[in-house]
């Protein structure tokens, strides 16, 4: 987790496709190759503990067509807590 310029927050994650990052701004976030409105995120939950201080996370959001999308990923436990707090979920 790091705070960039202009209050932009960045969080790293790992999926079966590889590593990536979630960048959170005041109004939206960029994740999984998409720009998602912060109000479109419905939940960020830890599902299970993983090795090396990581947790399995489910990230739920609605796309522009109103379909619910769920992405499972691994995150460092501290970054997960910070992401959840930043998004208010």
PDB file of N, CA and C in Angstrom:
ATOM      1  N   UNK A   1       0.850  -1.163   0.000  1.00  0.00           N
ATOM      2  CA  UNK A   1       0.000   0.000   0.000  1.00  0.00           C
ATOM      3  C   UNK A   1       0.897   1.228   0.000  1.00  0.00           C
ATOM      4  N   UNK A   2       0.561   2.173  -0.831  1.00  0.00           N
ATOM      5  CA  UNK A   2       1.291   3.427  -0.827  1.00  0.00           C
ATOM      6  C   UNK A   2       0.363   4.555  -1.236  1.00  0.00           C
ATOM      7  N   UNK A   3       0.640   5.726  -0.695  1.00  0.00           N
ATOM      8  CA  UNK A   3      -0.145   6.897  -1.077  1.00  0.00           C
ATOM      9  C   UNK A   3       0.650   7.662  -2.115  1.00  0.00           C
ATOM     10  N   UNK A   4       0.063   7.863  -3.250  1.00  0.00           N
ATOM     11  CA  UNK A   4       0.718   8.595  -4.322  1.00  0.00           C
ATOM     12  C   UNK A   4       0.342  10.060  -4.285  1.00  0.00           C
ATOM     13  N   UNK A   5       0.495  10.707  -5.421  1.00  0.00           N
ATOM     14  CA  UNK A   5       0.167  12.124  -5.538  1.00  0.00           C
ATOM     15  C   UNK A   5      -1.339  12.323  -5.516  1.00  0.00           C
ATOM     16  N   UNK A   6      -1.766  13.466  -5.016  1.00  0.00           N
ATOM     17  CA  UNK A   6      -3.177  13.872  -5.012  1.00  0.00           C
ATOM     18  C   UNK A   6      -4.087  12.895  -4.269  1.00  0.00           C
ATOM     19  N   UNK A   7      -3.601  12.248  -3.233  1.00  0.00           N
ATOM     20  CA  UNK A   7      -4.452  11.368  -2.440  1.00  0.00           C
ATOM     21  C   UNK A   7      -4.829  10.068  -3.118  1.00  0.00           C
ATOM     22  N   UNK A   8      -4.066   9.629  -4.098  1.00  0.00           N
ATOM     23  CA  UNK A   8      -4.338   8.367  -4.785  1.00  0.00           C
ATOM     24  C   UNK A   8      -3.658   7.239  -4.006  1.00  0.00           C
ATOM     25  N   UNK A   9      -4.417   6.197  -3.691  1.00  0.00           N
ATOM     26  CA  UNK A   9      -3.891   5.060  -2.949  1.00  0.00           C
ATOM     27  C   UNK A   9      -3.697   3.884  -3.887  1.00  0.00           C
ATOM     28  N   UNK A  10      -2.664   3.082  -3.650  1.00  0.00           N
ATOM     29  CA  UNK A  10      -2.371   1.931  -4.496  1.00  0.00           C
ATOM     30  C   UNK A  10      -2.201   0.690  -3.621  1.00  0.00           C
ATOM     31  N   UNK A  11      -2.877  -0.404  -4.000  1.00  0.00           N
ATOM     32  CA  UNK A  11      -2.831  -1.671  -3.268  1.00  0.00           C
ATOM     33  C   UNK A  11      -2.477  -2.786  -4.244  1.00  0.00           C
ATOM     34  N   UNK A  12      -1.628  -3.718  -3.820  1.00  0.00           N
ATOM     35  CA  UNK A  12      -1.237  -4.818  -4.702  1.00  0.00           C
ATOM     36  C   UNK A  12      -2.021  -6.076  -4.366  1.00  0.00           C
ATOM     37  N   UNK A  13      -2.209  -6.927  -5.380  1.00  0.00           N
ATOM     38  CA  UNK A  13      -2.908  -8.197  -5.205  1.00  0.00           C
ATOM     39  C   UNK A  13      -2.307  -9.229  -6.146  1.00  0.00           C
ATOM     40  N   UNK A  14      -2.654 -10.496  -5.908  1.00  0.00           N
ATOM     41  CA  UNK A  14      -2.220 -11.593  -6.761  1.00  0.00           C
ATOM     42  C   UNK A  14      -3.428 -12.442  -7.113  1.00  0.00           C
ATOM     43  N   UNK A  15      -3.576 -12.771  -8.396  1.00  0.00           N
ATOM     44  CA  UNK A  15      -4.624 -13.687  -8.854  1.00  0.00           C
ATOM     45  C   UNK A  15      -3.952 -14.836  -9.585  1.00  0.00           C
ATOM     46  N   UNK A  16      -4.750 -15.755 -10.095  1.00  0.00           N
ATOM     47  CA  UNK A  16      -4.190 -16.864 -10.863  1.00  0.00           C
ATOM     48  C   UNK A  16      -3.556 -16.372 -12.161  1.00  0.00           C
ATOM     49  N   UNK A  17      -3.941 -15.181 -12.613  1.00  0.00           N
ATOM     50  CA  UNK A  17      -3.377 -14.600 -13.836  1.00  0.00           C
ATOM     51  C   UNK A  17      -2.087 -13.835 -13.588  1.00  0.00           C
ATOM     52  N   UNK A  18      -1.756 -13.572 -12.337  1.00  0.00           N
ATOM     53  CA  UNK A  18      -0.554 -12.823 -12.014  1.00  0.00           C
ATOM     54  C   UNK A  18      -0.841 -11.730 -11.006  1.00  0.00           C
ATOM     55  N   UNK A  19       0.112 -10.820 -10.867  1.00  0.00           N
ATOM     56  CA  UNK A  19      -0.008  -9.737  -9.893  1.00  0.00           C
ATOM     57  C   UNK A  19      -0.589  -8.496 -10.552  1.00  0.00           C
ATOM     58  N   UNK A  20      -1.184  -7.644  -9.731  1.00  0.00           N
ATOM     59  CA  UNK A  20      -1.757  -6.397 -10.225  1.00  0.00           C
ATOM     60  C   UNK A  20      -1.891  -5.409  -9.092  1.00  0.00           C
ATOM     61  N   UNK A  21      -2.508  -4.276  -9.401  1.00  0.00           N
ATOM     62  CA  UNK A  21      -2.716  -3.286  -8.352  1.00  0.00           C
ATOM     63  C   UNK A  21      -4.066  -2.618  -8.523  1.00  0.00           C
ATOM     64  N   UNK A  22      -4.562  -2.136  -7.406  1.00  0.00           N
ATOM     65  CA  UNK A  22      -5.810  -1.389  -7.356  1.00  0.00           C
ATOM     66  C   UNK A  22      -5.436   0.035  -6.974  1.00  0.00           C
ATOM     67  N   UNK A  23      -5.788   0.989  -7.823  1.00  0.00           N
ATOM     68  CA  UNK A  23      -5.523   2.396  -7.536  1.00  0.00           C
ATOM     69  C   UNK A  23      -6.835   3.074  -7.180  1.00  0.00           C
ATOM     70  N   UNK A  24      -6.888   3.656  -5.991  1.00  0.00           N
ATOM     71  CA  UNK A  24      -8.116   4.267  -5.482  1.00  0.00           C
ATOM     72  C   UNK A  24      -7.965   5.781  -5.473  1.00  0.00           C
ATOM     73  N   UNK A  25      -8.906   6.464  -6.138  1.00  0.00           N
ATOM     74  CA  UNK A  25      -8.984   7.927  -6.147  1.00  0.00           C
ATOM     75  C   UNK A  25     -10.162   8.354  -5.286  1.00  0.00           C
ATOM     76  N   UNK A  26     -10.449   9.636  -5.274  1.00  0.00           N
ATOM     77  CA  UNK A  26     -11.570  10.152  -4.489  1.00  0.00           C
ATOM     78  C   UNK A  26     -12.909   9.636  -5.000  1.00  0.00           C
ATOM     79  N   UNK A  27     -13.091   9.543  -6.323  1.00  0.00           N
ATOM     80  CA  UNK A  27     -14.389   9.169  -6.889  1.00  0.00           C
ATOM     81  C   UNK A  27     -14.449   7.770  -7.471  1.00  0.00           C
ATOM     82  N   UNK A  28     -13.305   7.230  -7.888  1.00  0.00           N
ATOM     83  CA  UNK A  28     -13.324   5.927  -8.544  1.00  0.00           C
ATOM     84  C   UNK A  28     -12.056   5.158  -8.220  1.00  0.00           C
ATOM     85  N   UNK A  29     -11.973   3.959  -8.774  1.00  0.00           N
ATOM     86  CA  UNK A  29     -10.779   3.156  -8.621  1.00  0.00           C
ATOM     87  C   UNK A  29     -10.508   2.434  -9.931  1.00  0.00           C
ATOM     88  N   UNK A  30      -9.247   2.092 -10.138  1.00  0.00           N
ATOM     89  CA  UNK A  30      -8.847   1.344 -11.317  1.00  0.00           C
ATOM     90  C   UNK A  30      -8.351  -0.009 -10.844  1.00  0.00           C
ATOM     91  N   UNK A  31      -8.992  -1.077 -11.349  1.00  0.00           N
ATOM     92  CA  UNK A  31      -8.621  -2.435 -10.958  1.00  0.00           C
ATOM     93  C   UNK A  31      -9.019  -3.398 -12.064  1.00  0.00           C
ATOM     94  N   UNK A  32      -8.243  -4.451 -12.228  1.00  0.00           N
ATOM     95  CA  UNK A  32      -8.558  -5.523 -13.173  1.00  0.00           C
ATOM     96  C   UNK A  32      -8.722  -4.986 -14.595  1.00  0.00           C
ATOM     97  N   UNK A  33      -7.990  -3.917 -14.918  1.00  0.00           N
ATOM     98  CA  UNK A  33      -8.057  -3.329 -16.245  1.00  0.00           C
ATOM     99  C   UNK A  33      -9.294  -2.490 -16.501  1.00  0.00           C
ATOM    100  N   UNK A  34     -10.016  -2.118 -15.453  1.00  0.00           N
ATOM    101  CA  UNK A  34     -11.258  -1.348 -15.592  1.00  0.00           C
ATOM    102  C   UNK A  34     -11.282  -0.184 -14.618  1.00  0.00           C
ATOM    103  N   UNK A  35     -12.011   0.840 -14.999  1.00  0.00           N
ATOM    104  CA  UNK A  35     -12.286   1.952 -14.086  1.00  0.00           C
ATOM    105  C   UNK A  35     -13.649   1.676 -13.470  1.00  0.00           C
ATOM    106  N   UNK A  36     -13.712   1.657 -12.143  1.00  0.00           N
ATOM    107  CA  UNK A  36     -14.926   1.303 -11.408  1.00  0.00           C
ATOM    108  C   UNK A  36     -15.251   2.446 -10.450  1.00  0.00           C
ATOM    109  N   UNK A  37     -16.486   2.895 -10.436  1.00  0.00           N
ATOM    110  CA  UNK A  37     -16.904   3.913  -9.482  1.00  0.00           C
ATOM    111  C   UNK A  37     -16.877   3.345  -8.070  1.00  0.00           C
ATOM    112  N   UNK A  38     -16.449   4.146  -7.112  1.00  0.00           N
ATOM    113  CA  UNK A  38     -16.393   3.659  -5.728  1.00  0.00           C
ATOM    114  C   UNK A  38     -17.762   3.241  -5.230  1.00  0.00           C
ATOM    115  N   UNK A  39     -18.815   3.889  -5.727  1.00  0.00           N
ATOM    116  CA  UNK A  39     -20.166   3.525  -5.305  1.00  0.00           C
ATOM    117  C   UNK A  39     -20.641   2.222  -5.946  1.00  0.00           C
ATOM    118  N   UNK A  40     -19.907   1.693  -6.918  1.00  0.00           N
ATOM    119  CA  UNK A  40     -20.268   0.432  -7.575  1.00  0.00           C
ATOM    120  C   UNK A  40     -19.678  -0.786  -6.856  1.00  0.00           C
ATOM    121  N   UNK A  41     -18.780  -0.558  -5.893  1.00  0.00           N
ATOM    122  CA  UNK A  41     -18.187  -1.657  -5.121  1.00  0.00           C
ATOM    123  C   UNK A  41     -19.170  -2.041  -4.027  1.00  0.00           C
ATOM    124  N   UNK A  42     -19.602  -3.313  -4.034  1.00  0.00           N
ATOM    125  CA  UNK A  42     -20.593  -3.740  -3.043  1.00  0.00           C
ATOM    126  C   UNK A  42     -19.958  -4.369  -1.808  1.00  0.00           C
ATOM    127  N   UNK A  43     -18.816  -5.046  -1.966  1.00  0.00           N
ATOM    128  CA  UNK A  43     -18.197  -5.696  -0.805  1.00  0.00           C
ATOM    129  C   UNK A  43     -16.733  -6.013  -1.074  1.00  0.00           C
ATOM    130  N   UNK A  44     -15.955  -6.000   0.004  1.00  0.00           N
ATOM    131  CA  UNK A  44     -14.572  -6.466  -0.008  1.00  0.00           C
ATOM    132  C   UNK A  44     -14.439  -7.306   1.249  1.00  0.00           C
ATOM    133  N   UNK A  45     -14.316  -8.639   1.092  1.00  0.00           N
ATOM    134  CA  UNK A  45     -14.275  -9.523   2.268  1.00  0.00           C
ATOM    135  C   UNK A  45     -13.117 -10.503   2.191  1.00  0.00           C
ATOM    136  N   UNK A  46     -12.615 -10.842   3.387  1.00  0.00           N
ATOM    137  CA  UNK A  46     -11.636 -11.926   3.432  1.00  0.00           C
ATOM    138  C   UNK A  46     -12.390 -13.237   3.604  1.00  0.00           C
ATOM    139  N   UNK A  47     -12.014 -14.207   2.800  1.00  0.00           N
ATOM    140  CA  UNK A  47     -12.699 -15.493   2.773  1.00  0.00           C
ATOM    141  C   UNK A  47     -11.930 -16.531   3.577  1.00  0.00           C
ATOM    142  N   UNK A  48     -10.606 -16.508   3.461  1.00  0.00           N
ATOM    143  CA  UNK A  48      -9.784 -17.509   4.138  1.00  0.00           C
ATOM    144  C   UNK A  48      -8.377 -16.959   4.344  1.00  0.00           C
ATOM    145  N   UNK A  49      -7.691 -17.526   5.307  1.00  0.00           N
ATOM    146  CA  UNK A  49      -6.290 -17.189   5.531  1.00  0.00           C
ATOM    147  C   UNK A  49      -5.439 -17.981   4.545  1.00  0.00           C
ATOM    148  N   UNK A  50      -4.359 -17.379   4.102  1.00  0.00           N
ATOM    149  CA  UNK A  50      -3.409 -18.044   3.216  1.00  0.00           C
ATOM    150  C   UNK A  50      -2.031 -17.967   3.878  1.00  0.00           C
ATOM    151  N   UNK A  51      -1.052 -18.558   3.250  1.00  0.00           N
ATOM    152  CA  UNK A  51       0.286 -18.573   3.830  1.00  0.00           C
ATOM    153  C   UNK A  51       0.971 -17.215   3.676  1.00  0.00           C
ATOM    154  N   UNK A  52       2.022 -17.033   4.434  1.00  0.00           N
ATOM    155  CA  UNK A  52       2.878 -15.848   4.372  1.00  0.00           C
ATOM    156  C   UNK A  52       2.151 -14.534   4.648  1.00  0.00           C
ATOM    157  N   UNK A  53       1.209 -14.557   5.585  1.00  0.00           N
ATOM    158  CA  UNK A  53       0.519 -13.335   5.994  1.00  0.00           C
ATOM    159  C   UNK A  53      -0.460 -12.785   4.972  1.00  0.00           C
ATOM    160  N   UNK A  54      -0.923 -13.634   4.080  1.00  0.00           N
ATOM    161  CA  UNK A  54      -1.876 -13.197   3.057  1.00  0.00           C
ATOM    162  C   UNK A  54      -3.262 -13.735   3.375  1.00  0.00           C
ATOM    163  N   UNK A  55      -4.268 -13.103   2.790  1.00  0.00           N
ATOM    164  CA  UNK A  55      -5.647 -13.553   2.926  1.00  0.00           C
ATOM    165  C   UNK A  55      -6.266 -13.664   1.537  1.00  0.00           C
ATOM    166  N   UNK A  56      -7.204 -14.610   1.407  1.00  0.00           N
ATOM    167  CA  UNK A  56      -7.964 -14.720   0.171  1.00  0.00           C
ATOM    168  C   UNK A  56      -9.109 -13.724   0.257  1.00  0.00           C
ATOM    169  N   UNK A  57      -9.234 -12.890  -0.750  1.00  0.00           N
ATOM    170  CA  UNK A  57     -10.190 -11.783  -0.737  1.00  0.00           C
ATOM    171  C   UNK A  57     -11.189 -11.941  -1.880  1.00  0.00           C
ATOM    172  N   UNK A  58     -12.454 -11.659  -1.584  1.00  0.00           N
ATOM    173  CA  UNK A  58     -13.481 -11.550  -2.625  1.00  0.00           C
ATOM    174  C   UNK A  58     -13.812 -10.077  -2.788  1.00  0.00           C
ATOM    175  N   UNK A  59     -13.679  -9.587  -4.009  1.00  0.00           N
ATOM    176  CA  UNK A  59     -13.957  -8.194  -4.348  1.00  0.00           C
ATOM    177  C   UNK A  59     -15.190  -8.190  -5.241  1.00  0.00           C
ATOM    178  N   UNK A  60     -16.300  -7.655  -4.731  1.00  0.00           N
ATOM    179  CA  UNK A  60     -17.563  -7.640  -5.481  1.00  0.00           C
ATOM    180  C   UNK A  60     -17.878  -6.223  -5.940  1.00  0.00           C
ATOM    181  N   UNK A  61     -18.261  -6.115  -7.213  1.00  0.00           N
ATOM    182  CA  UNK A  61     -18.659  -4.817  -7.751  1.00  0.00           C
ATOM    183  C   UNK A  61     -19.666  -5.028  -8.876  1.00  0.00           C
ATOM    184  N   UNK A  62     -20.325  -3.951  -9.267  1.00  0.00           N
ATOM    185  CA  UNK A  62     -21.285  -3.986 -10.371  1.00  0.00           C
ATOM    186  C   UNK A  62     -20.668  -3.292 -11.578  1.00  0.00           C
ATOM    187  N   UNK A  63     -20.782  -3.931 -12.753  1.00  0.00           N
ATOM    188  CA  UNK A  63     -20.268  -3.308 -13.969  1.00  0.00           C
ATOM    189  C   UNK A  63     -21.284  -2.302 -14.509  1.00  0.00           C
ATOM    190  N   UNK A  64     -20.987  -1.698 -15.640  1.00  0.00           N
ATOM    191  CA  UNK A  64     -21.855  -0.652 -16.192  1.00  0.00           C
ATOM    192  C   UNK A  64     -23.213  -1.170 -16.631  1.00  0.00           C
ATOM    193  N   UNK A  65     -23.341  -2.467 -16.867  1.00  0.00           N
ATOM    194  CA  UNK A  65     -24.613  -3.055 -17.274  1.00  0.00           C
ATOM    195  C   UNK A  65     -25.440  -3.517 -16.074  1.00  0.00           C
ATOM    196  N   UNK A  66     -24.902  -3.357 -14.858  1.00  0.00           N
ATOM    197  CA  UNK A  66     -25.618  -3.761 -13.652  1.00  0.00           C
ATOM    198  C   UNK A  66     -25.383  -5.197 -13.245  1.00  0.00           C
ATOM    199  N   UNK A  67     -24.437  -5.879 -13.900  1.00  0.00           N
ATOM    200  CA  UNK A  67     -24.120  -7.263 -13.549  1.00  0.00           C
ATOM    201  C   UNK A  67     -23.133  -7.297 -12.391  1.00  0.00           C
ATOM    202  N   UNK A  68     -23.367  -8.199 -11.444  1.00  0.00           N
ATOM    203  CA  UNK A  68     -22.468  -8.340 -10.303  1.00  0.00           C
ATOM    204  C   UNK A  68     -21.250  -9.157 -10.724  1.00  0.00           C
ATOM    205  N   UNK A  69     -20.073  -8.618 -10.476  1.00  0.00           N
ATOM    206  CA  UNK A  69     -18.809  -9.284 -10.773  1.00  0.00           C
ATOM    207  C   UNK A  69     -18.118  -9.605  -9.453  1.00  0.00           C
ATOM    208  N   UNK A  70     -17.514 -10.783  -9.369  1.00  0.00           N
ATOM    209  CA  UNK A  70     -16.769 -11.186  -8.179  1.00  0.00           C
ATOM    210  C   UNK A  70     -15.376 -11.612  -8.617  1.00  0.00           C
ATOM    211  N   UNK A  71     -14.347 -11.009  -8.017  1.00  0.00           N
ATOM    212  CA  UNK A  71     -12.965 -11.358  -8.316  1.00  0.00           C
ATOM    213  C   UNK A  71     -12.340 -11.884  -7.038  1.00  0.00           C
ATOM    214  N   UNK A  72     -11.733 -13.068  -7.125  1.00  0.00           N
ATOM    215  CA  UNK A  72     -11.017 -13.639  -5.978  1.00  0.00           C
ATOM    216  C   UNK A  72      -9.534 -13.391  -6.174  1.00  0.00           C
ATOM    217  N   UNK A  73      -8.878 -12.973  -5.091  1.00  0.00           N
ATOM    218  CA  UNK A  73      -7.462 -12.651  -5.163  1.00  0.00           C
ATOM    219  C   UNK A  73      -6.811 -12.848  -3.807  1.00  0.00           C
ATOM    220  N   UNK A  74      -5.499 -12.836  -3.789  1.00  0.00           N
ATOM    221  CA  UNK A  74      -4.731 -12.879  -2.553  1.00  0.00           C
ATOM    222  C   UNK A  74      -4.146 -11.501  -2.303  1.00  0.00           C
ATOM    223  N   UNK A  75      -4.210 -11.071  -1.050  1.00  0.00           N
ATOM    224  CA  UNK A  75      -3.624  -9.790  -0.656  1.00  0.00           C
ATOM    225  C   UNK A  75      -2.919  -9.953   0.679  1.00  0.00           C
ATOM    226  N   UNK A  76      -1.935  -9.099   0.904  1.00  0.00           N
ATOM    227  CA  UNK A  76      -1.328  -9.000   2.216  1.00  0.00           C
ATOM    228  C   UNK A  76      -2.419  -8.552   3.180  1.00  0.00           C
ATOM    229  N   UNK A  77      -2.451  -9.136   4.366  1.00  0.00           N
ATOM    230  CA  UNK A  77      -3.536  -8.846   5.310  1.00  0.00           C
ATOM    231  C   UNK A  77      -3.624  -7.359   5.664  1.00  0.00           C
ATOM    232  N   UNK A  78      -2.480  -6.707   5.831  1.00  0.00           N
ATOM    233  CA  UNK A  78      -2.492  -5.274   6.159  1.00  0.00           C
ATOM    234  C   UNK A  78      -3.049  -4.442   5.009  1.00  0.00           C
ATOM    235  N   UNK A  79      -2.690  -4.807   3.776  1.00  0.00           N
ATOM    236  CA  UNK A  79      -3.213  -4.079   2.617  1.00  0.00           C
ATOM    237  C   UNK A  79      -4.712  -4.301   2.474  1.00  0.00           C
ATOM    238  N   UNK A  80      -5.180  -5.521   2.756  1.00  0.00           N
ATOM    239  CA  UNK A  80      -6.616  -5.798   2.701  1.00  0.00           C
ATOM    240  C   UNK A  80      -7.370  -4.895   3.669  1.00  0.00           C
ATOM    241  N   UNK A  81      -6.883  -4.810   4.906  1.00  0.00           N
ATOM    242  CA  UNK A  81      -7.552  -3.972   5.912  1.00  0.00           C
ATOM    243  C   UNK A  81      -7.551  -2.497   5.499  1.00  0.00           C
ATOM    244  N   UNK A  82      -6.433  -2.043   4.941  1.00  0.00           N
ATOM    245  CA  UNK A  82      -6.347  -0.648   4.499  1.00  0.00           C
ATOM    246  C   UNK A  82      -7.278  -0.384   3.314  1.00  0.00           C
ATOM    247  N   UNK A  83      -7.367  -1.323   2.367  1.00  0.00           N
ATOM    248  CA  UNK A  83      -8.271  -1.174   1.224  1.00  0.00           C
ATOM    249  C   UNK A  83      -9.713  -1.119   1.693  1.00  0.00           C
ATOM    250  N   UNK A  84     -10.064  -2.015   2.596  1.00  0.00           N
ATOM    251  CA  UNK A  84     -11.432  -2.056   3.115  1.00  0.00           C
ATOM    252  C   UNK A  84     -11.783  -0.740   3.816  1.00  0.00           C
ATOM    253  N   UNK A  85     -10.859  -0.229   4.602  1.00  0.00           N
ATOM    254  CA  UNK A  85     -11.091   1.032   5.312  1.00  0.00           C
ATOM    255  C   UNK A  85     -11.174   2.202   4.332  1.00  0.00           C
ATOM    256  N   UNK A  86     -10.311   2.210   3.325  1.00  0.00           N
ATOM    257  CA  UNK A  86     -10.313   3.280   2.330  1.00  0.00           C
ATOM    258  C   UNK A  86     -11.628   3.325   1.564  1.00  0.00           C
ATOM    259  N   UNK A  87     -12.165   2.143   1.218  1.00  0.00           N
ATOM    260  CA  UNK A  87     -13.428   2.074   0.484  1.00  0.00           C
ATOM    261  C   UNK A  87     -14.648   2.193   1.394  1.00  0.00           C
ATOM    262  N   UNK A  88     -14.441   2.077   2.703  1.00  0.00           N
ATOM    263  CA  UNK A  88     -15.563   2.171   3.640  1.00  0.00           C
ATOM    264  C   UNK A  88     -16.470   0.959   3.600  1.00  0.00           C
ATOM    265  N   UNK A  89     -15.913  -0.199   3.324  1.00  0.00           N
ATOM    266  CA  UNK A  89     -16.711  -1.430   3.223  1.00  0.00           C
ATOM    267  C   UNK A  89     -16.431  -2.293   4.411  1.00  0.00           C
TER     268      UNK A  89
END
